[in-house]
């Protein structure tokens, strides 16, 4: 590893991190070079003197804390923003991008965290959208799509409708879309965030095929184990500037994490069980039908969470997790079944009453359900708790109380912000998440719905959020944890259940199950360490729920 202190940076402008690289590094071996990139926003320096060199035919990982400036840097490379200082070179030639169209014309393609696909269109129509001929899609376009798909092992079906595809297939469509436009350098922003281990392996096979054909990939991720397994080179940025480079074969995840955060990470302690025999949340026979039909989005969901217990729900996104969250927080009311909180039937309660009675909520989509993006941080601190102290005094809102407590949350949860009056949209995705977690934990909930609580946050913030949940659990908090991070589910949960097609189909012991076994169960396959629940023979409604597939993905990690 090479970084600050004992790990000196590689010479600037040098594409090959390893000096023994053959042939020797020259300008022509660089797919992309960013030199001295600086980008300022009002009150914030997002990038300062950043240097990044990406070799042709390699996977180059870019890692850093939340708010470190990774996404800003990639937006500059993709033409979405202009740097205040510094230069960009593609294939050894200096360029200036005024828009993404300019970047695409020079072979730069980007697959964003949020998929940009039209669900109602076919795969073929999505791929050629914006570059189709005046009179429609010809046979040549179809032939080209099939050729690219076969060449890189993407396995897409041109006539399939995107709304019928799972997350991994949608991601392959996004990759094919940029390849169709002639991209030779691909930017992948958190591409594995919502994939199960088997899908991650398939994606990495695709990436190896891409680089074997001479293409280059810039891979942004917080999952350091995956970074080390797939990357050829790694660049670390911290607080907006380049602080080190690493050779994967010579680096451990812990070393990489410490270079990201600038200090040693604490050694994790083995947590003792805090589960009591006192039920906090009891769900019995919960069923939820689709609004337009009798399809069961949730079917016969039953479980109990005790005080001091974390129940983890594992499942490929789109198998009923969102509907379960909505039913528990009160955004949707079940067609049958009951929900009890500390023995009291809350099935018919409104969302506000559930919140006032101690139900905390970390939403899976922080932009849609967790924040008012154009409002200041202190107003976002009030959301969901408008009737509670310190946000209210009697019947009146208390702005000064909310502002003072927002400053405390910013300090305690290390929310990187120039102040509490900036808008939520100005924060990186990870810092937005820390604000939400701080807001919810500040009200000492009895039961917490934690949906993807560390999605898009760096390793340091992830450890902090986990510690907050564990500490609250020791004090009796009951937690429903829904996450696409299988290591998080296994590490935090006292009990694990698998949801598939709107039903809880298997139980797992967090002490013995592996991510691979859990991933197999999530896709409907049997696994040795899981106890499978027998499904009814004629479960047509549950099978129909498989059609309810989302393309949810994490937001931009840093701006």
Protein backbone atom coordinates (compact mmCIF):
# COMPACT_ATOMS: atom_id res chain seq x y z
CA UNK A 1 0.00 0.00 0.00
CA UNK A 2 1.16 3.50 -0.77
CA UNK A 3 -0.27 6.49 1.01
CA UNK A 4 0.58 9.32 3.32
CA UNK A 5 3.44 8.83 5.79
CA UNK A 6 5.16 5.46 5.22
CA UNK A 7 3.19 4.88 2.00
CA UNK A 8 4.33 7.56 -0.49
CA UNK A 9 2.04 8.40 -3.39
CA UNK A 10 2.83 7.10 -6.85
CA UNK A 11 4.43 9.75 -9.08
CA UNK A 12 1.79 12.01 -10.52
CA UNK A 13 0.84 11.34 -14.11
CA UNK A 14 2.15 7.77 -13.93
CA UNK A 15 -0.48 5.25 -14.98
CA UNK A 16 1.18 2.15 -13.61
CA UNK A 17 1.26 1.91 -9.84
CA UNK A 18 3.59 -1.09 -9.94
CA UNK A 19 7.02 -0.02 -11.24
CA UNK A 20 7.59 -3.51 -12.61
CA UNK A 21 4.68 -3.16 -15.04
CA UNK A 22 5.46 -4.29 -18.56
CA UNK A 23 5.53 -2.39 -20.84
CA UNK A 24 6.77 0.67 -18.91
CA UNK A 25 4.13 3.33 -18.30
CA UNK A 26 3.76 5.94 -21.03
CA UNK A 27 1.09 8.45 -21.91
CA UNK A 28 -0.48 5.98 -24.31
CA UNK A 29 -0.99 3.38 -21.54
CA UNK A 30 -3.30 5.78 -19.73
CA UNK A 31 -7.00 5.58 -20.52
CA UNK A 32 -7.78 8.58 -18.31
CA UNK A 33 -5.64 11.04 -16.37
CA UNK A 34 -6.96 13.66 -13.98
CA UNK A 35 -4.34 16.13 -12.75
CA UNK A 36 -4.72 18.82 -10.09
CA UNK A 37 -8.53 18.69 -10.12
CA UNK A 38 -10.09 21.24 -7.79
CA UNK A 39 -13.81 21.94 -7.43
CA UNK A 40 -15.34 24.46 -5.05
CA UNK A 41 -18.94 24.96 -4.00
CA UNK A 42 -20.23 27.73 -1.70
CA UNK A 43 -18.69 27.02 1.69
CA UNK A 44 -17.19 23.67 0.58
CA UNK A 45 -14.10 22.54 -1.31
CA UNK A 46 -15.29 19.22 -2.74
CA UNK A 47 -12.05 18.36 -4.57
CA UNK A 48 -8.58 19.78 -3.99
CA UNK A 49 -5.59 18.97 -6.19
CA UNK A 50 -6.76 15.42 -6.97
CA UNK A 51 -4.65 13.21 -9.21
CA UNK A 52 -5.95 9.99 -10.76
CA UNK A 53 -4.40 7.86 -13.51
CA UNK A 54 -6.30 4.89 -14.92
CA UNK A 55 -4.39 2.33 -16.99
CA UNK A 56 -5.96 0.90 -20.11
CA UNK A 57 -7.45 -2.54 -19.68
CA UNK A 58 -7.67 -2.40 -15.88
CA UNK A 59 -10.21 -2.07 -13.10
CA UNK A 60 -9.27 0.99 -11.04
CA UNK A 61 -11.04 1.32 -7.70
CA UNK A 62 -11.77 4.71 -6.16
CA UNK A 63 -12.48 4.60 -2.43
CA UNK A 64 -12.96 7.15 0.32
CA UNK A 65 -15.17 8.32 3.16
CA UNK A 66 -18.59 9.84 2.69
CA UNK A 67 -18.15 13.35 1.42
CA UNK A 68 -14.56 12.63 0.34
CA UNK A 69 -15.40 13.89 -3.14
CA UNK A 70 -15.57 10.69 -5.19
CA UNK A 71 -18.87 11.41 -6.89
CA UNK A 72 -17.91 15.02 -7.58
CA UNK A 73 -14.73 13.81 -9.26
CA UNK A 74 -16.64 11.35 -11.42
CA UNK A 75 -19.21 13.98 -12.37
CA UNK A 76 -16.33 16.14 -13.58
CA UNK A 77 -14.93 13.26 -15.62
CA UNK A 78 -18.38 12.56 -17.08
CA UNK A 79 -18.95 16.19 -18.04
CA UNK A 80 -21.72 16.85 -15.53
CA UNK A 81 -19.63 19.51 -13.76
CA UNK A 82 -16.63 21.62 -14.74
CA UNK A 83 -13.51 21.76 -12.57
CA UNK A 84 -12.30 25.08 -11.25
CA UNK A 85 -8.70 23.96 -11.71
CA UNK A 86 -6.87 21.01 -13.20
CA UNK A 87 -6.84 19.05 -16.44
CA UNK A 88 -8.40 15.92 -17.92
CA UNK A 89 -6.64 13.75 -20.50
CA UNK A 90 -8.16 10.84 -22.42
CA UNK A 91 -5.78 8.54 -24.28
CA UNK A 92 -3.00 11.06 -23.70
CA UNK A 93 -4.91 14.00 -25.21
CA UNK A 94 -6.07 16.87 -23.04
CA UNK A 95 -9.83 17.43 -23.23
CA UNK A 96 -12.50 19.72 -21.80
CA UNK A 97 -16.03 18.39 -21.35
CA UNK A 98 -19.01 20.73 -21.39
CA UNK A 99 -21.65 18.00 -21.01
CA UNK A 100 -22.02 14.21 -20.70
CA UNK A 101 -22.44 14.14 -24.49
CA UNK A 102 -18.87 15.37 -24.82
CA UNK A 103 -17.63 12.69 -22.44
CA UNK A 104 -19.57 9.96 -24.27
CA UNK A 105 -18.07 11.13 -27.56
CA UNK A 106 -14.60 10.51 -26.08
CA UNK A 107 -15.51 7.04 -24.82
CA UNK A 108 -16.44 7.79 -21.20
CA UNK A 109 -19.60 6.04 -19.96
CA UNK A 110 -21.18 6.07 -16.52
CA UNK A 111 -23.55 3.67 -14.77
CA UNK A 112 -25.14 5.62 -11.93
CA UNK A 113 -26.23 4.28 -8.56
CA UNK A 114 -29.84 4.92 -9.52
CA UNK A 115 -30.60 3.07 -12.74
CA UNK A 116 -31.78 5.38 -15.50
CA UNK A 117 -34.10 3.04 -17.36
CA UNK A 118 -37.67 3.39 -18.60
CA UNK A 119 -39.60 0.49 -17.11
CA UNK A 120 -42.31 0.43 -19.75
CA UNK A 121 -39.81 0.06 -22.63
CA UNK A 122 -37.97 -3.05 -23.78
CA UNK A 123 -34.30 -3.66 -23.18
CA UNK A 124 -33.51 -2.83 -26.80
CA UNK A 125 -35.51 0.39 -26.69
CA UNK A 126 -33.75 1.50 -23.49
CA UNK A 127 -30.32 0.81 -24.94
CA UNK A 128 -30.80 2.81 -28.14
CA UNK A 129 -32.92 5.55 -26.53
CA UNK A 130 -31.43 8.91 -27.46
CA UNK A 131 -29.28 7.50 -30.26
CA UNK A 132 -31.91 5.80 -32.39
CA UNK A 133 -32.44 6.62 -36.04
CA UNK A 134 -35.12 9.09 -37.08
CA UNK A 135 -37.45 6.39 -38.36
CA UNK A 136 -37.17 3.95 -35.49
CA UNK A 137 -35.00 1.04 -34.41
CA UNK A 138 -33.56 -0.94 -37.28
CA UNK A 139 -32.20 -4.43 -37.60
CA UNK A 140 -28.69 -3.03 -37.33
CA UNK A 141 -29.31 -1.77 -33.80
CA UNK A 142 -30.66 -5.14 -32.67
CA UNK A 143 -27.70 -6.92 -34.25
CA UNK A 144 -25.23 -4.58 -32.56
CA UNK A 145 -26.87 -5.06 -29.14
CA UNK A 146 -26.73 -8.84 -29.48
CA UNK A 147 -23.11 -8.73 -30.61
CA UNK A 148 -22.05 -6.60 -27.63
CA UNK A 149 -24.03 -8.76 -25.24
CA UNK A 150 -22.40 -11.94 -26.51
CA UNK A 151 -18.92 -10.44 -26.71
CA UNK A 152 -18.89 -9.40 -23.05
CA UNK A 153 -21.03 -12.20 -21.63
CA UNK A 154 -23.86 -9.90 -20.54
CA UNK A 155 -26.68 -12.23 -21.61
CA UNK A 156 -29.37 -9.59 -22.12
CA UNK A 157 -32.71 -10.28 -23.81
CA UNK A 158 -33.47 -7.39 -26.20
CA UNK A 159 -37.25 -7.89 -26.23
CA UNK A 160 -37.73 -8.24 -22.46
CA UNK A 161 -39.47 -5.37 -20.72
CA UNK A 162 -37.30 -3.66 -18.13
CA UNK A 163 -40.14 -3.73 -15.57
CA UNK A 164 -39.88 -7.54 -15.61
CA UNK A 165 -36.14 -7.62 -14.88
CA UNK A 166 -34.39 -8.07 -11.58
CA UNK A 167 -31.76 -5.68 -10.26
CA UNK A 168 -28.75 -7.60 -11.64
CA UNK A 169 -30.28 -7.79 -15.14
CA UNK A 170 -31.08 -4.07 -15.09
CA UNK A 171 -27.49 -3.34 -14.20
CA UNK A 172 -26.27 -5.36 -17.18
CA UNK A 173 -28.63 -3.37 -19.40
CA UNK A 174 -27.08 -0.15 -18.08
CA UNK A 175 -23.59 -1.46 -18.82
CA UNK A 176 -24.63 -2.54 -22.32
CA UNK A 177 -26.21 0.88 -22.88
CA UNK A 178 -22.90 2.68 -22.38
CA UNK A 179 -21.01 0.08 -24.42
CA UNK A 180 -23.50 0.57 -27.26
CA UNK A 181 -22.49 4.24 -27.32
CA UNK A 182 -18.84 3.30 -27.76
CA UNK A 183 -17.57 3.64 -24.19
CA UNK A 184 -14.04 2.41 -23.63
CA UNK A 185 -13.86 3.65 -20.02
CA UNK A 186 -16.76 2.79 -17.72
CA UNK A 187 -17.53 4.47 -14.41
CA UNK A 188 -19.48 2.16 -12.09
CA UNK A 189 -20.83 3.92 -8.98
CA UNK A 190 -21.56 1.45 -6.13
CA UNK A 191 -22.50 -1.33 -8.60
CA UNK A 192 -22.78 -4.14 -6.02
CA UNK A 193 -24.86 -2.34 -3.39
CA UNK A 194 -28.08 -4.27 -4.10
CA UNK A 195 -26.65 -7.55 -5.43
CA UNK A 196 -26.49 -10.94 -3.68
CA UNK A 197 -23.08 -12.70 -3.65
CA UNK A 198 -23.84 -14.81 -6.72
CA UNK A 199 -24.80 -11.70 -8.67
CA UNK A 200 -21.64 -9.93 -7.52
CA UNK A 201 -19.57 -12.84 -8.82
CA UNK A 202 -21.35 -12.63 -12.18
CA UNK A 203 -20.74 -8.87 -12.36
CA UNK A 204 -17.04 -9.34 -11.62
CA UNK A 205 -16.85 -11.95 -14.39
CA UNK A 206 -18.34 -9.33 -16.72
CA UNK A 207 -15.75 -6.77 -15.59
CA UNK A 208 -12.89 -9.19 -16.21
CA UNK A 209 -14.26 -9.84 -19.69
CA UNK A 210 -14.42 -6.09 -20.34
CA UNK A 211 -10.83 -5.47 -19.34
CA UNK A 212 -9.61 -8.51 -21.31
CA UNK A 213 -10.97 -6.69 -24.37
CA UNK A 214 -8.94 -3.59 -23.47
CA UNK A 215 -11.67 -1.58 -21.78
CA UNK A 216 -11.03 0.28 -18.52
CA UNK A 217 -13.32 0.44 -15.49
CA UNK A 218 -13.43 2.97 -12.65
CA UNK A 219 -15.07 1.13 -9.75
CA UNK A 220 -16.47 3.11 -6.81
CA UNK A 221 -17.44 1.08 -3.76
CA UNK A 222 -17.49 1.03 0.04
CA UNK A 223 -17.19 -2.77 0.12
CA UNK A 224 -13.46 -3.05 0.56
CA UNK A 225 -13.31 -6.83 0.31
CA UNK A 226 -14.87 -6.63 -3.13
CA UNK A 227 -12.56 -3.78 -4.12
CA UNK A 228 -9.51 -5.86 -3.24
CA UNK A 229 -10.83 -8.87 -5.14
CA UNK A 230 -11.63 -7.15 -8.44
CA UNK A 231 -9.35 -4.08 -8.69
CA UNK A 232 -5.96 -3.89 -10.33
CA UNK A 233 -5.17 -0.50 -8.79
CA UNK A 234 -6.76 1.51 -5.96
CA UNK A 235 -6.76 5.25 -5.32
CA UNK A 236 -7.85 6.58 -1.92
CA UNK A 237 -9.19 10.09 -1.43
CA UNK A 238 -9.88 11.70 1.93
CA UNK A 239 -11.43 15.09 2.65
CA UNK A 240 -11.41 15.95 -1.05
CA UNK A 241 -7.79 15.15 -1.91
CA UNK A 242 -5.72 12.16 -2.97
CA UNK A 243 -3.99 10.56 0.03
CA UNK A 244 -2.70 7.27 -1.27
CA UNK A 245 -2.66 4.43 -3.74
CA UNK A 246 -2.69 0.72 -3.05
CA UNK A 247 -1.80 -2.51 -4.76
CA UNK A 248 -4.59 -5.00 -3.90
CA UNK A 249 -2.26 -7.96 -3.46
CA UNK A 250 -0.27 -6.07 -0.82
CA UNK A 251 -3.18 -4.56 1.10
CA UNK A 252 -5.76 -5.73 3.65
CA UNK A 253 -9.28 -4.32 4.03
CA UNK A 254 -8.32 -2.91 7.42
CA UNK A 255 -5.26 -1.09 6.04
CA UNK A 256 -7.36 0.35 3.25
CA UNK A 257 -10.07 1.47 5.68
CA UNK A 258 -7.53 3.16 7.92
CA UNK A 259 -6.04 5.02 4.96
CA UNK A 260 -9.58 6.16 4.08
CA UNK A 261 -10.41 7.50 7.54
CA UNK A 262 -6.92 8.67 8.47
CA UNK A 263 -6.70 6.77 11.74
CA UNK A 264 -6.75 3.27 13.18
CA UNK A 265 -10.12 1.57 13.39
CA UNK A 266 -11.25 0.10 16.72
CA UNK A 267 -11.09 -3.66 17.06
CA UNK A 268 -14.65 -5.02 17.09
CA UNK A 269 -15.80 -6.64 20.31
CA UNK A 270 -17.82 -9.81 20.48
CA UNK A 271 -21.36 -8.81 21.41
CA UNK A 272 -23.24 -10.76 24.04
CA UNK A 273 -26.88 -11.61 23.47
CA UNK A 274 -29.31 -9.01 24.78
CA UNK A 275 -32.51 -10.77 23.71
CA UNK A 276 -35.17 -10.88 26.42
CA UNK A 277 -38.38 -12.90 26.70
CA UNK A 278 -40.54 -9.75 26.46
CA UNK A 279 -42.20 -9.35 23.05
CA UNK A 280 -42.05 -5.81 21.64
CA UNK A 281 -43.45 -6.32 18.12
CA UNK A 282 -45.78 -9.16 17.19
CA UNK A 283 -46.90 -9.62 13.58
CA UNK A 284 -49.49 -12.32 12.92
CA UNK A 285 -50.83 -13.42 9.53
CA UNK A 286 -50.14 -10.12 7.79
CA UNK A 287 -51.46 -10.01 4.23
CA UNK A 288 -51.32 -7.12 1.79
CA UNK A 289 -52.91 -7.17 -1.68
CA UNK A 290 -51.96 -5.08 -4.69
CA UNK A 291 -54.27 -2.13 -5.25
CA UNK A 292 -55.26 -3.14 -8.76
CA UNK A 293 -55.77 -6.87 -8.25
CA UNK A 294 -55.96 -9.67 -5.73
CA UNK A 295 -52.22 -10.35 -5.99
CA UNK A 296 -50.65 -10.85 -2.57
CA UNK A 297 -47.67 -8.59 -2.10
CA UNK A 298 -47.35 -9.97 1.44
CA UNK A 299 -48.81 -13.35 2.36
CA UNK A 300 -49.15 -14.75 5.89
CA UNK A 301 -46.24 -12.82 7.40
CA UNK A 302 -45.77 -13.74 11.05
CA UNK A 303 -42.89 -13.03 13.43
CA UNK A 304 -42.09 -11.70 16.89
CA UNK A 305 -39.28 -9.33 17.89
CA UNK A 306 -38.40 -9.19 21.59
CA UNK A 307 -36.88 -6.35 23.55
CA UNK A 308 -33.14 -6.31 22.91
CA UNK A 309 -33.45 -8.33 19.69
CA UNK A 310 -32.49 -7.58 16.11
CA UNK A 311 -34.48 -9.56 13.55
CA UNK A 312 -32.83 -9.45 10.13
CA UNK A 313 -34.82 -9.88 6.92
CA UNK A 314 -32.80 -11.02 3.90
CA UNK A 315 -34.17 -10.91 0.38
CA UNK A 316 -33.50 -9.78 -3.15
CA UNK A 317 -35.04 -6.32 -3.51
CA UNK A 318 -38.60 -6.39 -4.75
CA UNK A 319 -39.76 -9.47 -2.83
CA UNK A 320 -42.00 -7.66 -0.36
CA UNK A 321 -39.58 -5.78 1.88
CA UNK A 322 -40.94 -2.35 0.94
CA UNK A 323 -44.53 -3.47 1.48
CA UNK A 324 -43.63 -4.92 4.88
CA UNK A 325 -42.01 -1.65 5.92
CA UNK A 326 -45.04 0.34 4.73
CA UNK A 327 -47.41 -1.92 6.67
CA UNK A 328 -45.40 -1.62 9.88
CA UNK A 329 -44.94 2.15 9.75
CA UNK A 330 -48.57 2.72 8.75
CA UNK A 331 -48.13 3.98 5.18
CA UNK A 332 -50.27 1.04 4.01
CA UNK A 333 -52.88 -0.89 5.94
CA UNK A 334 -52.92 -4.66 5.71
CA UNK A 335 -55.89 -6.49 4.22
CA UNK A 336 -55.71 -9.01 7.05
CA UNK A 337 -53.56 -9.88 10.05
CA UNK A 338 -52.53 -7.94 13.13
CA UNK A 339 -49.59 -5.89 14.37
CA UNK A 340 -49.02 -5.44 18.11
CA UNK A 341 -46.57 -3.08 19.83
CA UNK A 342 -45.79 -4.03 23.42
CA UNK A 343 -49.03 -6.03 23.50
CA UNK A 344 -51.24 -3.25 22.08
CA UNK A 345 -52.96 -3.71 18.72
CA UNK A 346 -51.67 -0.95 16.43
CA UNK A 347 -52.92 -2.43 13.14
CA UNK A 348 -55.28 0.48 12.47
CA UNK A 349 -53.08 3.24 13.90
CA UNK A 350 -51.98 6.16 11.74
CA UNK A 351 -48.29 6.70 11.07
CA UNK A 352 -48.02 9.70 13.43
CA UNK A 353 -49.46 7.77 16.37
CA UNK A 354 -47.04 4.90 15.76
CA UNK A 355 -44.17 7.36 15.70
CA UNK A 356 -45.31 9.08 18.89
CA UNK A 357 -45.60 5.72 20.63
CA UNK A 358 -41.97 4.85 19.95
CA UNK A 359 -41.62 3.46 16.42
CA UNK A 360 -38.39 4.70 14.83
CA UNK A 361 -37.91 4.62 11.08
CA UNK A 362 -34.75 4.68 8.96
CA UNK A 363 -36.25 4.54 5.44
CA UNK A 364 -34.83 2.53 2.56
CA UNK A 365 -35.03 5.54 0.23
CA UNK A 366 -33.74 8.53 2.14
CA UNK A 367 -34.60 10.97 -0.64
CA UNK A 368 -38.25 9.96 -0.97
CA UNK A 369 -39.11 9.13 2.64
CA UNK A 370 -36.38 10.53 4.87
CA UNK A 371 -35.54 14.07 3.85
CA UNK A 372 -36.77 17.33 2.38
CA UNK A 373 -33.81 17.88 0.10
CA UNK A 374 -34.31 21.60 -0.43
CA UNK A 375 -34.87 22.34 3.28
CA UNK A 376 -32.13 23.10 5.82
CA UNK A 377 -30.76 20.38 8.07
CA UNK A 378 -32.50 21.66 11.18
CA UNK A 379 -35.91 21.43 9.49
CA UNK A 380 -35.07 17.88 8.40
CA UNK A 381 -34.30 17.10 12.03
CA UNK A 382 -37.99 17.79 12.79
CA UNK A 383 -39.41 15.35 10.22
CA UNK A 384 -41.43 12.53 11.75
CA UNK A 385 -41.22 14.10 15.20
CA UNK A 386 -43.10 17.39 14.84
CA UNK A 387 -45.01 16.93 18.09
CA UNK A 388 -42.05 15.84 20.22
CA UNK A 389 -39.33 17.65 22.13
CA UNK A 390 -36.99 19.34 21.32
CA UNK A 391 -38.85 20.14 18.11
CA UNK A 392 -42.05 21.27 19.81
CA UNK A 393 -43.11 23.11 22.92
CA UNK A 394 -46.74 22.31 23.63
CA UNK A 395 -48.72 22.92 20.45
CA UNK A 396 -46.00 25.07 18.87
CA UNK A 397 -42.87 24.20 16.95
CA UNK A 398 -39.64 25.14 18.68
CA UNK A 399 -37.12 26.14 15.97
CA UNK A 400 -34.41 27.07 18.47
CA UNK A 401 -34.72 23.70 20.19
CA UNK A 402 -34.56 21.87 16.86
CA UNK A 403 -31.56 23.93 15.77
CA UNK A 404 -29.65 23.27 18.97
CA UNK A 405 -30.32 19.55 18.76
CA UNK A 406 -29.33 19.47 15.10
CA UNK A 407 -25.94 20.86 16.08
CA UNK A 408 -25.62 18.05 18.64
CA UNK A 409 -26.50 15.40 16.04
CA UNK A 410 -24.01 16.90 13.58
CA UNK A 411 -21.30 16.68 16.25
CA UNK A 412 -22.13 13.25 17.68
CA UNK A 413 -22.75 11.53 14.35
CA UNK A 414 -19.94 13.28 12.46
CA UNK A 415 -22.22 14.76 9.80
CA UNK A 416 -19.82 16.58 7.47
CA UNK A 417 -21.48 19.93 6.81
CA UNK A 418 -20.49 23.62 6.90
CA UNK A 419 -23.54 24.33 9.06
CA UNK A 420 -27.11 23.39 9.94
CA UNK A 421 -28.64 25.96 7.59
CA UNK A 422 -27.40 24.29 4.40
CA UNK A 423 -29.91 22.15 2.51
CA UNK A 424 -30.00 18.37 2.83
CA UNK A 425 -29.33 18.16 -0.91
CA UNK A 426 -25.91 19.73 -0.38
CA UNK A 427 -24.72 16.79 1.73
CA UNK A 428 -23.25 13.58 0.38
CA UNK A 429 -25.52 10.54 0.54
CA UNK A 430 -23.62 9.07 3.47
CA UNK A 431 -23.85 12.27 5.49
CA UNK A 432 -27.56 12.45 4.74
CA UNK A 433 -27.83 8.94 6.15
CA UNK A 434 -25.95 9.85 9.32
CA UNK A 435 -28.32 12.77 9.88
CA UNK A 436 -31.34 10.46 9.58
CA UNK A 437 -29.86 7.85 11.91
CA UNK A 438 -29.03 10.55 14.46
CA UNK A 439 -32.55 11.95 14.24
CA UNK A 440 -34.21 8.58 14.81
CA UNK A 441 -31.92 7.36 17.58
CA UNK A 442 -32.25 10.69 19.42
CA UNK A 443 -35.88 9.90 20.28
CA UNK A 444 -35.02 6.63 22.06
CA UNK A 445 -37.47 4.43 20.09
CA UNK A 446 -38.86 1.21 21.52
CA UNK A 447 -39.00 -0.42 18.10
CA UNK A 448 -36.82 0.59 15.14
CA UNK A 449 -37.41 -0.20 11.47
CA UNK A 450 -33.89 0.01 10.00
CA UNK A 451 -34.06 -0.36 6.22
CA UNK A 452 -30.56 -0.37 4.71
CA UNK A 453 -29.21 1.76 7.59
CA UNK A 454 -25.65 1.90 6.23
CA UNK A 455 -26.35 2.01 2.50
CA UNK A 456 -23.88 4.38 0.87
CA UNK A 457 -21.84 5.11 4.01
CA UNK A 458 -18.12 4.54 4.49
CA UNK A 459 -16.56 1.97 6.82
CA UNK A 460 -16.04 4.43 9.64
CA UNK A 461 -19.63 5.66 9.58
CA UNK A 462 -20.86 2.10 9.17
CA UNK A 463 -19.07 1.03 12.34
CA UNK A 464 -20.51 4.04 14.18
CA UNK A 465 -24.08 3.27 13.11
CA UNK A 466 -23.67 -0.38 14.06
CA UNK A 467 -22.40 0.66 17.49
CA UNK A 468 -25.41 2.96 17.95
CA UNK A 469 -27.80 0.11 17.13
CA UNK A 470 -25.97 -2.33 19.40
CA UNK A 471 -25.95 0.15 22.28
CA UNK A 472 -29.69 0.81 21.89
CA UNK A 473 -30.32 -2.93 21.69
CA UNK A 474 -28.54 -3.39 25.02
CA UNK A 475 -31.01 -0.88 26.46
CA UNK A 476 -33.95 -2.92 25.18
CA UNK A 477 -34.53 -1.63 21.63
CA UNK A 478 -36.23 -4.09 19.28
CA UNK A 479 -35.02 -3.78 15.69
CA UNK A 480 -36.30 -4.99 12.33
CA UNK A 481 -33.22 -4.87 10.08
CA UNK A 482 -33.65 -5.02 6.32
CA UNK A 483 -30.44 -4.82 4.33
CA UNK A 484 -28.84 -5.81 1.04
CA UNK A 485 -25.50 -6.10 2.88
CA UNK A 486 -25.39 -9.74 3.93
CA UNK A 487 -22.37 -9.22 6.19
CA UNK A 488 -24.35 -6.53 7.99
CA UNK A 489 -27.36 -8.83 8.39
CA UNK A 490 -25.25 -11.69 9.72
CA UNK A 491 -23.15 -9.44 11.99
CA UNK A 492 -26.01 -7.49 13.59
CA UNK A 493 -28.93 -9.91 13.71
CA UNK A 494 -29.92 -12.20 16.55
CA UNK A 495 -32.40 -13.96 14.25
CA UNK A 496 -32.52 -14.15 10.47
CA UNK A 497 -35.49 -14.73 8.17
CA UNK A 498 -35.54 -14.91 4.35
CA UNK A 499 -38.33 -13.24 2.37
CA UNK A 500 -39.13 -14.52 -1.13
CA UNK A 501 -42.12 -13.61 -3.27
CA UNK A 502 -43.86 -11.94 -0.37
CA UNK A 503 -43.46 -14.83 2.08
CA UNK A 504 -41.02 -15.67 4.85
CA UNK A 505 -39.60 -18.90 3.45
CA UNK A 506 -36.55 -19.75 5.59
CA UNK A 507 -34.87 -19.19 8.95
CA UNK A 508 -31.12 -18.91 9.44
CA UNK A 509 -28.74 -18.89 12.38
CA UNK A 510 -26.47 -15.81 12.10
CA UNK A 511 -23.76 -17.72 13.99
CA UNK A 512 -23.37 -20.36 11.29
CA UNK A 513 -24.85 -19.18 7.99
CA UNK A 514 -22.56 -17.83 5.26
CA UNK A 515 -23.34 -14.98 2.85
CA UNK A 516 -23.32 -17.48 -0.01
CA UNK A 517 -25.90 -19.72 1.69
CA UNK A 518 -28.05 -16.73 2.52
CA UNK A 519 -27.76 -15.47 -1.06
CA UNK A 520 -28.89 -18.85 -2.40
CA UNK A 521 -31.96 -18.86 -0.18
CA UNK A 522 -32.79 -15.32 -1.26
CA UNK A 523 -33.01 -16.47 -4.88
CA UNK A 524 -35.23 -19.43 -3.99
CA UNK A 525 -32.57 -22.16 -3.81
CA UNK A 526 -32.25 -24.55 -0.86
CA UNK A 527 -29.27 -24.25 1.48
CA UNK A 528 -27.92 -26.63 4.07
CA UNK A 529 -27.75 -24.28 7.07
CA UNK A 530 -31.20 -22.78 6.59
CA UNK A 531 -34.49 -24.14 7.83
CA UNK A 532 -36.99 -23.76 5.02
CA UNK A 533 -40.63 -23.02 5.63
CA UNK A 534 -43.02 -25.11 3.55
CA UNK A 535 -45.07 -23.06 1.08
CA UNK A 536 -48.68 -23.83 0.19
CA UNK A 537 -49.19 -25.94 -2.94
CA UNK A 538 -51.36 -23.43 -4.81
CA UNK A 539 -49.73 -20.14 -3.98
CA UNK A 540 -50.53 -18.29 -7.18
CA UNK A 541 -50.83 -14.96 -5.46
CA UNK A 542 -47.42 -15.24 -3.83
CA UNK A 543 -45.84 -16.22 -7.13
CA UNK A 544 -47.40 -13.19 -8.73
CA UNK A 545 -45.65 -10.99 -6.21
CA UNK A 546 -42.38 -11.88 -7.94
CA UNK A 547 -43.39 -9.42 -10.61
CA UNK A 548 -43.11 -6.59 -8.10
CA UNK A 549 -39.44 -5.77 -8.69
CA UNK A 550 -37.81 -2.49 -7.83
CA UNK A 551 -34.68 -0.91 -9.17
CA UNK A 552 -33.92 0.72 -5.84
CA UNK A 553 -30.31 1.63 -5.45
CA UNK A 554 -28.25 3.81 -3.25
CA UNK A 555 -28.04 7.52 -3.88
CA UNK A 556 -24.90 9.30 -4.94
CA UNK A 557 -22.41 8.73 -2.16
CA UNK A 558 -20.68 12.09 -2.41
CA UNK A 559 -21.26 15.28 -4.24
